[in-house]
């Protein structure tokens, strides 16, 4: 049993012209070879949003709250 991810350019043109992804998973077992399109993972920006990811407060509202807190401390 062999499993690898290949760039489609490594395949003959007649094969890779029918594949919509840039990579395929190559799987061989008992003499049977299977090529499966390997989806490319798109970059996710969820983790960059941090504390504002729940959508309850905007950046402007957060900054306004911080300014009001500073005024109360004085």
PDB file of N, CA and C in Angstrom:
ATOM      1  N   UNK A   1       0.848  -1.174   0.000  1.00  0.00           N
ATOM      2  CA  UNK A   1       0.000   0.000   0.000  1.00  0.00           C
ATOM      3  C   UNK A   1       0.891   1.234   0.000  1.00  0.00           C
ATOM      4  N   UNK A   2       0.756   2.082  -1.021  1.00  0.00           N
ATOM      5  CA  UNK A   2       1.526   3.306  -1.164  1.00  0.00           C
ATOM      6  C   UNK A   2       0.573   4.475  -1.309  1.00  0.00           C
ATOM      7  N   UNK A   3       0.885   5.564  -0.613  1.00  0.00           N
ATOM      8  CA  UNK A   3       0.063   6.769  -0.745  1.00  0.00           C
ATOM      9  C   UNK A   3       0.989   7.972  -0.816  1.00  0.00           C
ATOM     10  N   UNK A   4       0.812   8.809  -1.842  1.00  0.00           N
ATOM     11  CA  UNK A   4       1.630   9.994  -2.044  1.00  0.00           C
ATOM     12  C   UNK A   4       0.761  11.106  -2.607  1.00  0.00           C
ATOM     13  N   UNK A   5       1.240  12.355  -2.470  1.00  0.00           N
ATOM     14  CA  UNK A   5       0.590  13.492  -3.111  1.00  0.00           C
ATOM     15  C   UNK A   5       1.527  13.960  -4.211  1.00  0.00           C
ATOM     16  N   UNK A   6       0.991  14.048  -5.438  1.00  0.00           N
ATOM     17  CA  UNK A   6       1.783  14.420  -6.605  1.00  0.00           C
ATOM     18  C   UNK A   6       1.277  15.709  -7.224  1.00  0.00           C
ATOM     19  N   UNK A   7       2.194  16.466  -7.804  1.00  0.00           N
ATOM     20  CA  UNK A   7       1.825  17.609  -8.629  1.00  0.00           C
ATOM     21  C   UNK A   7       1.282  17.050  -9.942  1.00  0.00           C
ATOM     22  N   UNK A   8       0.206  17.630 -10.461  1.00  0.00           N
ATOM     23  CA  UNK A   8      -0.403  17.053 -11.668  1.00  0.00           C
ATOM     24  C   UNK A   8       0.493  17.176 -12.889  1.00  0.00           C
ATOM     25  N   UNK A   9       1.470  18.073 -12.852  1.00  0.00           N
ATOM     26  CA  UNK A   9       2.382  18.215 -13.982  1.00  0.00           C
ATOM     27  C   UNK A   9       3.239  16.964 -14.162  1.00  0.00           C
ATOM     28  N   UNK A  10       3.310  16.108 -13.139  1.00  0.00           N
ATOM     29  CA  UNK A  10       4.071  14.867 -13.230  1.00  0.00           C
ATOM     30  C   UNK A  10       3.313  13.796 -14.021  1.00  0.00           C
ATOM     31  N   UNK A  11       2.055  14.056 -14.336  1.00  0.00           N
ATOM     32  CA  UNK A  11       1.225  13.096 -15.065  1.00  0.00           C
ATOM     33  C   UNK A  11       1.188  13.441 -16.552  1.00  0.00           C
ATOM     34  N   UNK A  12       0.869  12.482 -17.383  1.00  0.00           N
ATOM     35  CA  UNK A  12       0.706  12.781 -18.812  1.00  0.00           C
ATOM     36  C   UNK A  12      -0.405  13.810 -19.029  1.00  0.00           C
ATOM     37  N   UNK A  13      -0.287  14.622 -20.071  1.00  0.00           N
ATOM     38  CA  UNK A  13      -1.240  15.701 -20.339  1.00  0.00           C
ATOM     39  C   UNK A  13      -2.670  15.192 -20.478  1.00  0.00           C
ATOM     40  N   UNK A  14      -2.849  14.020 -21.047  1.00  0.00           N
ATOM     41  CA  UNK A  14      -4.204  13.481 -21.222  1.00  0.00           C
ATOM     42  C   UNK A  14      -4.885  13.218 -19.882  1.00  0.00           C
ATOM     43  N   UNK A  15      -4.097  12.953 -18.846  1.00  0.00           N
ATOM     44  CA  UNK A  15      -4.659  12.713 -17.516  1.00  0.00           C
ATOM     45  C   UNK A  15      -4.845  14.035 -16.775  1.00  0.00           C
ATOM     46  N   UNK A  16      -3.790  14.864 -16.708  1.00  0.00           N
ATOM     47  CA  UNK A  16      -3.896  16.060 -15.878  1.00  0.00           C
ATOM     48  C   UNK A  16      -4.807  17.124 -16.466  1.00  0.00           C
ATOM     49  N   UNK A  17      -5.133  17.058 -17.747  1.00  0.00           N
ATOM     50  CA  UNK A  17      -6.060  18.033 -18.330  1.00  0.00           C
ATOM     51  C   UNK A  17      -7.487  17.836 -17.814  1.00  0.00           C
ATOM     52  N   UNK A  18      -7.785  16.693 -17.258  1.00  0.00           N
ATOM     53  CA  UNK A  18      -9.128  16.398 -16.747  1.00  0.00           C
ATOM     54  C   UNK A  18      -9.254  16.608 -15.243  1.00  0.00           C
ATOM     55  N   UNK A  19      -8.175  17.007 -14.587  1.00  0.00           N
ATOM     56  CA  UNK A  19      -8.185  17.183 -13.137  1.00  0.00           C
ATOM     57  C   UNK A  19      -8.213  18.669 -12.823  1.00  0.00           C
ATOM     58  N   UNK A  20      -9.133  19.093 -11.944  1.00  0.00           N
ATOM     59  CA  UNK A  20      -9.324  20.516 -11.670  1.00  0.00           C
ATOM     60  C   UNK A  20      -8.416  21.060 -10.562  1.00  0.00           C
ATOM     61  N   UNK A  21      -7.704  20.210  -9.846  1.00  0.00           N
ATOM     62  CA  UNK A  21      -6.807  20.670  -8.787  1.00  0.00           C
ATOM     63  C   UNK A  21      -5.360  20.591  -9.259  1.00  0.00           C
ATOM     64  N   UNK A  22      -4.468  21.243  -8.499  1.00  0.00           N
ATOM     65  CA  UNK A  22      -3.054  21.238  -8.882  1.00  0.00           C
ATOM     66  C   UNK A  22      -2.317  20.008  -8.376  1.00  0.00           C
ATOM     67  N   UNK A  23      -2.923  19.295  -7.427  1.00  0.00           N
ATOM     68  CA  UNK A  23      -2.290  18.093  -6.883  1.00  0.00           C
ATOM     69  C   UNK A  23      -3.296  16.956  -6.821  1.00  0.00           C
ATOM     70  N   UNK A  24      -2.786  15.738  -6.862  1.00  0.00           N
ATOM     71  CA  UNK A  24      -3.618  14.548  -6.729  1.00  0.00           C
ATOM     72  C   UNK A  24      -3.010  13.628  -5.685  1.00  0.00           C
ATOM     73  N   UNK A  25      -3.888  12.855  -5.038  1.00  0.00           N
ATOM     74  CA  UNK A  25      -3.406  11.825  -4.116  1.00  0.00           C
ATOM     75  C   UNK A  25      -3.264  10.541  -4.915  1.00  0.00           C
ATOM     76  N   UNK A  26      -2.078   9.971  -4.877  1.00  0.00           N
ATOM     77  CA  UNK A  26      -1.757   8.738  -5.586  1.00  0.00           C
ATOM     78  C   UNK A  26      -1.823   7.612  -4.568  1.00  0.00           C
ATOM     79  N   UNK A  27      -2.683   6.615  -4.828  1.00  0.00           N
ATOM     80  CA  UNK A  27      -2.877   5.506  -3.892  1.00  0.00           C
ATOM     81  C   UNK A  27      -2.777   4.205  -4.669  1.00  0.00           C
ATOM     82  N   UNK A  28      -1.901   3.308  -4.228  1.00  0.00           N
ATOM     83  CA  UNK A  28      -1.724   2.020  -4.899  1.00  0.00           C
ATOM     84  C   UNK A  28      -1.897   0.903  -3.889  1.00  0.00           C
ATOM     85  N   UNK A  29      -2.735  -0.064  -4.246  1.00  0.00           N
ATOM     86  CA  UNK A  29      -2.953  -1.228  -3.388  1.00  0.00           C
ATOM     87  C   UNK A  29      -3.267  -2.430  -4.263  1.00  0.00           C
ATOM     88  N   UNK A  30      -2.526  -3.479  -4.077  1.00  0.00           N
ATOM     89  CA  UNK A  30      -2.721  -4.725  -4.827  1.00  0.00           C
ATOM     90  C   UNK A  30      -2.724  -4.505  -6.341  1.00  0.00           C
ATOM     91  N   UNK A  31      -1.836  -3.659  -6.822  1.00  0.00           N
ATOM     92  CA  UNK A  31      -1.723  -3.431  -8.256  1.00  0.00           C
ATOM     93  C   UNK A  31      -2.731  -2.459  -8.836  1.00  0.00           C
ATOM     94  N   UNK A  32      -3.638  -1.929  -8.016  1.00  0.00           N
ATOM     95  CA  UNK A  32      -4.628  -0.967  -8.485  1.00  0.00           C
ATOM     96  C   UNK A  32      -4.184   0.426  -8.070  1.00  0.00           C
ATOM     97  N   UNK A  33      -4.134   1.338  -9.031  1.00  0.00           N
ATOM     98  CA  UNK A  33      -3.716   2.715  -8.765  1.00  0.00           C
ATOM     99  C   UNK A  33      -4.944   3.615  -8.826  1.00  0.00           C
ATOM    100  N   UNK A  34      -5.093   4.449  -7.806  1.00  0.00           N
ATOM    101  CA  UNK A  34      -6.207   5.392  -7.730  1.00  0.00           C
ATOM    102  C   UNK A  34      -5.640   6.801  -7.620  1.00  0.00           C
ATOM    103  N   UNK A  35      -6.108   7.714  -8.469  1.00  0.00           N
ATOM    104  CA  UNK A  35      -5.750   9.126  -8.394  1.00  0.00           C
ATOM    105  C   UNK A  35      -6.970   9.897  -7.917  1.00  0.00           C
ATOM    106  N   UNK A  36      -6.825  10.637  -6.834  1.00  0.00           N
ATOM    107  CA  UNK A  36      -7.918  11.412  -6.265  1.00  0.00           C
ATOM    108  C   UNK A  36      -7.508  12.872  -6.219  1.00  0.00           C
ATOM    109  N   UNK A  37      -8.336  13.790  -6.734  1.00  0.00           N
ATOM    110  CA  UNK A  37      -7.993  15.210  -6.635  1.00  0.00           C
ATOM    111  C   UNK A  37      -7.740  15.598  -5.175  1.00  0.00           C
ATOM    112  N   UNK A  38      -6.667  16.326  -4.963  1.00  0.00           N
ATOM    113  CA  UNK A  38      -6.263  16.743  -3.619  1.00  0.00           C
ATOM    114  C   UNK A  38      -6.589  18.224  -3.473  1.00  0.00           C
ATOM    115  N   UNK A  39      -7.604  18.559  -2.678  1.00  0.00           N
ATOM    116  CA  UNK A  39      -8.016  19.965  -2.570  1.00  0.00           C
ATOM    117  C   UNK A  39      -6.934  20.808  -1.894  1.00  0.00           C
ATOM    118  N   UNK A  40      -6.754  22.000  -2.421  1.00  0.00           N
ATOM    119  CA  UNK A  40      -5.796  22.917  -1.824  1.00  0.00           C
ATOM    120  C   UNK A  40      -6.469  23.629  -0.667  1.00  0.00           C
ATOM    121  N   UNK A  41      -5.757  23.738   0.430  1.00  0.00           N
ATOM    122  CA  UNK A  41      -6.314  24.418   1.590  1.00  0.00           C
ATOM    123  C   UNK A  41      -6.132  25.917   1.410  1.00  0.00           C
ATOM    124  N   UNK A  42      -7.223  26.626   1.522  1.00  0.00           N
ATOM    125  CA  UNK A  42      -7.171  28.076   1.394  1.00  0.00           C
ATOM    126  C   UNK A  42      -6.813  28.684   2.744  1.00  0.00           C
ATOM    127  N   UNK A  43      -6.087  29.795   2.727  1.00  0.00           N
ATOM    128  CA  UNK A  43      -5.720  30.425   4.002  1.00  0.00           C
ATOM    129  C   UNK A  43      -6.958  30.897   4.750  1.00  0.00           C
ATOM    130  N   UNK A  44      -6.957  30.691   6.040  1.00  0.00           N
ATOM    131  CA  UNK A  44      -8.081  31.104   6.874  1.00  0.00           C
ATOM    132  C   UNK A  44      -7.631  32.259   7.756  1.00  0.00           C
ATOM    133  N   UNK A  45      -8.496  33.227   7.917  1.00  0.00           N
ATOM    134  CA  UNK A  45      -8.152  34.391   8.712  1.00  0.00           C
ATOM    135  C   UNK A  45      -8.942  34.456  10.012  1.00  0.00           C
ATOM    136  N   UNK A  46      -9.717  33.412  10.325  1.00  0.00           N
ATOM    137  CA  UNK A  46     -10.524  33.392  11.546  1.00  0.00           C
ATOM    138  C   UNK A  46      -9.662  33.650  12.779  1.00  0.00           C
ATOM    139  N   UNK A  47      -8.526  32.969  12.830  1.00  0.00           N
ATOM    140  CA  UNK A  47      -7.696  33.049  14.023  1.00  0.00           C
ATOM    141  C   UNK A  47      -7.072  34.425  14.214  1.00  0.00           C
ATOM    142  N   UNK A  48      -7.084  35.277  13.201  1.00  0.00           N
ATOM    143  CA  UNK A  48      -6.515  36.611  13.326  1.00  0.00           C
ATOM    144  C   UNK A  48      -7.485  37.611  13.937  1.00  0.00           C
ATOM    145  N   UNK A  49      -8.756  37.270  13.981  1.00  0.00           N
ATOM    146  CA  UNK A  49      -9.767  38.200  14.476  1.00  0.00           C
ATOM    147  C   UNK A  49      -9.728  38.304  15.992  1.00  0.00           C
ATOM    148  N   UNK A  50      -9.380  37.221  16.662  1.00  0.00           N
ATOM    149  CA  UNK A  50      -9.222  37.245  18.113  1.00  0.00           C
ATOM    150  C   UNK A  50     -10.510  37.481  18.858  1.00  0.00           C
ATOM    151  N   UNK A  51     -10.490  38.453  19.772  1.00  0.00           N
ATOM    152  CA  UNK A  51     -11.629  38.670  20.666  1.00  0.00           C
ATOM    153  C   UNK A  51     -12.851  39.238  19.960  1.00  0.00           C
ATOM    154  N   UNK A  52     -12.716  39.711  18.747  1.00  0.00           N
ATOM    155  CA  UNK A  52     -13.848  40.277  18.024  1.00  0.00           C
ATOM    156  C   UNK A  52     -14.541  39.249  17.132  1.00  0.00           C
ATOM    157  N   UNK A  53     -14.142  38.007  17.224  1.00  0.00           N
ATOM    158  CA  UNK A  53     -14.680  36.991  16.331  1.00  0.00           C
ATOM    159  C   UNK A  53     -16.133  36.631  16.610  1.00  0.00           C
ATOM    160  N   UNK A  54     -16.638  36.932  17.816  1.00  0.00           N
ATOM    161  CA  UNK A  54     -18.034  36.576  18.104  1.00  0.00           C
ATOM    162  C   UNK A  54     -19.015  37.597  17.531  1.00  0.00           C
ATOM    163  N   UNK A  55     -18.529  38.739  17.052  1.00  0.00           N
ATOM    164  CA  UNK A  55     -19.383  39.723  16.403  1.00  0.00           C
ATOM    165  C   UNK A  55     -20.203  40.558  17.352  1.00  0.00           C
ATOM    166  N   UNK A  56     -19.998  40.455  18.657  1.00  0.00           N
ATOM    167  CA  UNK A  56     -20.796  41.209  19.623  1.00  0.00           C
ATOM    168  C   UNK A  56     -20.353  42.662  19.741  1.00  0.00           C
ATOM    169  N   UNK A  57     -19.097  42.950  19.442  1.00  0.00           N
ATOM    170  CA  UNK A  57     -18.590  44.301  19.606  1.00  0.00           C
ATOM    171  C   UNK A  57     -17.656  44.627  18.436  1.00  0.00           C
ATOM    172  N   UNK A  58     -17.790  45.851  17.925  1.00  0.00           N
ATOM    173  CA  UNK A  58     -16.915  46.261  16.822  1.00  0.00           C
ATOM    174  C   UNK A  58     -15.630  46.852  17.398  1.00  0.00           C
ATOM    175  N   UNK A  59     -14.661  47.063  16.561  1.00  0.00           N
ATOM    176  CA  UNK A  59     -13.393  47.648  16.993  1.00  0.00           C
ATOM    177  C   UNK A  59     -13.625  49.057  17.528  1.00  0.00           C
ATOM    178  N   UNK A  60     -14.447  49.827  16.821  1.00  0.00           N
ATOM    179  CA  UNK A  60     -14.725  51.198  17.256  1.00  0.00           C
ATOM    180  C   UNK A  60     -15.389  51.218  18.628  1.00  0.00           C
ATOM    181  N   UNK A  61     -16.347  50.338  18.853  1.00  0.00           N
ATOM    182  CA  UNK A  61     -17.015  50.259  20.158  1.00  0.00           C
ATOM    183  C   UNK A  61     -16.031  49.859  21.252  1.00  0.00           C
ATOM    184  N   UNK A  62     -15.149  48.937  20.946  1.00  0.00           N
ATOM    185  CA  UNK A  62     -14.149  48.495  21.914  1.00  0.00           C
ATOM    186  C   UNK A  62     -13.232  49.656  22.301  1.00  0.00           C
ATOM    187  N   UNK A  63     -12.752  50.402  21.312  1.00  0.00           N
ATOM    188  CA  UNK A  63     -11.872  51.536  21.595  1.00  0.00           C
ATOM    189  C   UNK A  63     -12.582  52.625  22.392  1.00  0.00           C
ATOM    190  N   UNK A  64     -13.850  52.852  22.091  1.00  0.00           N
ATOM    191  CA  UNK A  64     -14.634  53.839  22.847  1.00  0.00           C
ATOM    192  C   UNK A  64     -14.788  53.408  24.303  1.00  0.00           C
ATOM    193  N   UNK A  65     -15.047  52.120  24.528  1.00  0.00           N
ATOM    194  CA  UNK A  65     -15.139  51.611  25.896  1.00  0.00           C
ATOM    195  C   UNK A  65     -13.838  51.817  26.655  1.00  0.00           C
ATOM    196  N   UNK A  66     -12.718  51.566  26.009  1.00  0.00           N
ATOM    197  CA  UNK A  66     -11.405  51.738  26.647  1.00  0.00           C
ATOM    198  C   UNK A  66     -11.170  53.199  27.019  1.00  0.00           C
ATOM    199  N   UNK A  67     -11.570  54.130  26.151  1.00  0.00           N
ATOM    200  CA  UNK A  67     -11.411  55.546  26.460  1.00  0.00           C
ATOM    201  C   UNK A  67     -12.283  55.947  27.646  1.00  0.00           C
ATOM    202  N   UNK A  68     -13.508  55.413  27.704  1.00  0.00           N
ATOM    203  CA  UNK A  68     -14.387  55.704  28.828  1.00  0.00           C
ATOM    204  C   UNK A  68     -13.842  55.145  30.120  1.00  0.00           C
ATOM    205  N   UNK A  69     -13.226  53.976  30.083  1.00  0.00           N
ATOM    206  CA  UNK A  69     -12.600  53.377  31.268  1.00  0.00           C
ATOM    207  C   UNK A  69     -11.468  54.254  31.769  1.00  0.00           C
ATOM    208  N   UNK A  70     -10.674  54.805  30.850  1.00  0.00           N
ATOM    209  CA  UNK A  70      -9.562  55.675  31.252  1.00  0.00           C
ATOM    210  C   UNK A  70     -10.087  56.931  31.947  1.00  0.00           C
ATOM    211  N   UNK A  71     -11.198  57.489  31.431  1.00  0.00           N
ATOM    212  CA  UNK A  71     -11.791  58.684  32.035  1.00  0.00           C
ATOM    213  C   UNK A  71     -12.290  58.388  33.446  1.00  0.00           C
ATOM    214  N   UNK A  72     -12.838  57.211  33.662  1.00  0.00           N
ATOM    215  CA  UNK A  72     -13.347  56.832  34.978  1.00  0.00           C
ATOM    216  C   UNK A  72     -12.218  56.616  35.981  1.00  0.00           C
ATOM    217  N   UNK A  73     -11.059  56.205  35.516  1.00  0.00           N
ATOM    218  CA  UNK A  73      -9.921  55.975  36.406  1.00  0.00           C
ATOM    219  C   UNK A  73      -9.331  57.281  36.929  1.00  0.00           C
ATOM    220  N   UNK A  74      -9.485  58.345  36.163  1.00  0.00           N
ATOM    221  CA  UNK A  74      -8.905  59.652  36.566  1.00  0.00           C
ATOM    222  C   UNK A  74      -9.713  60.338  37.590  1.00  0.00           C
TER     223      UNK A  74
END
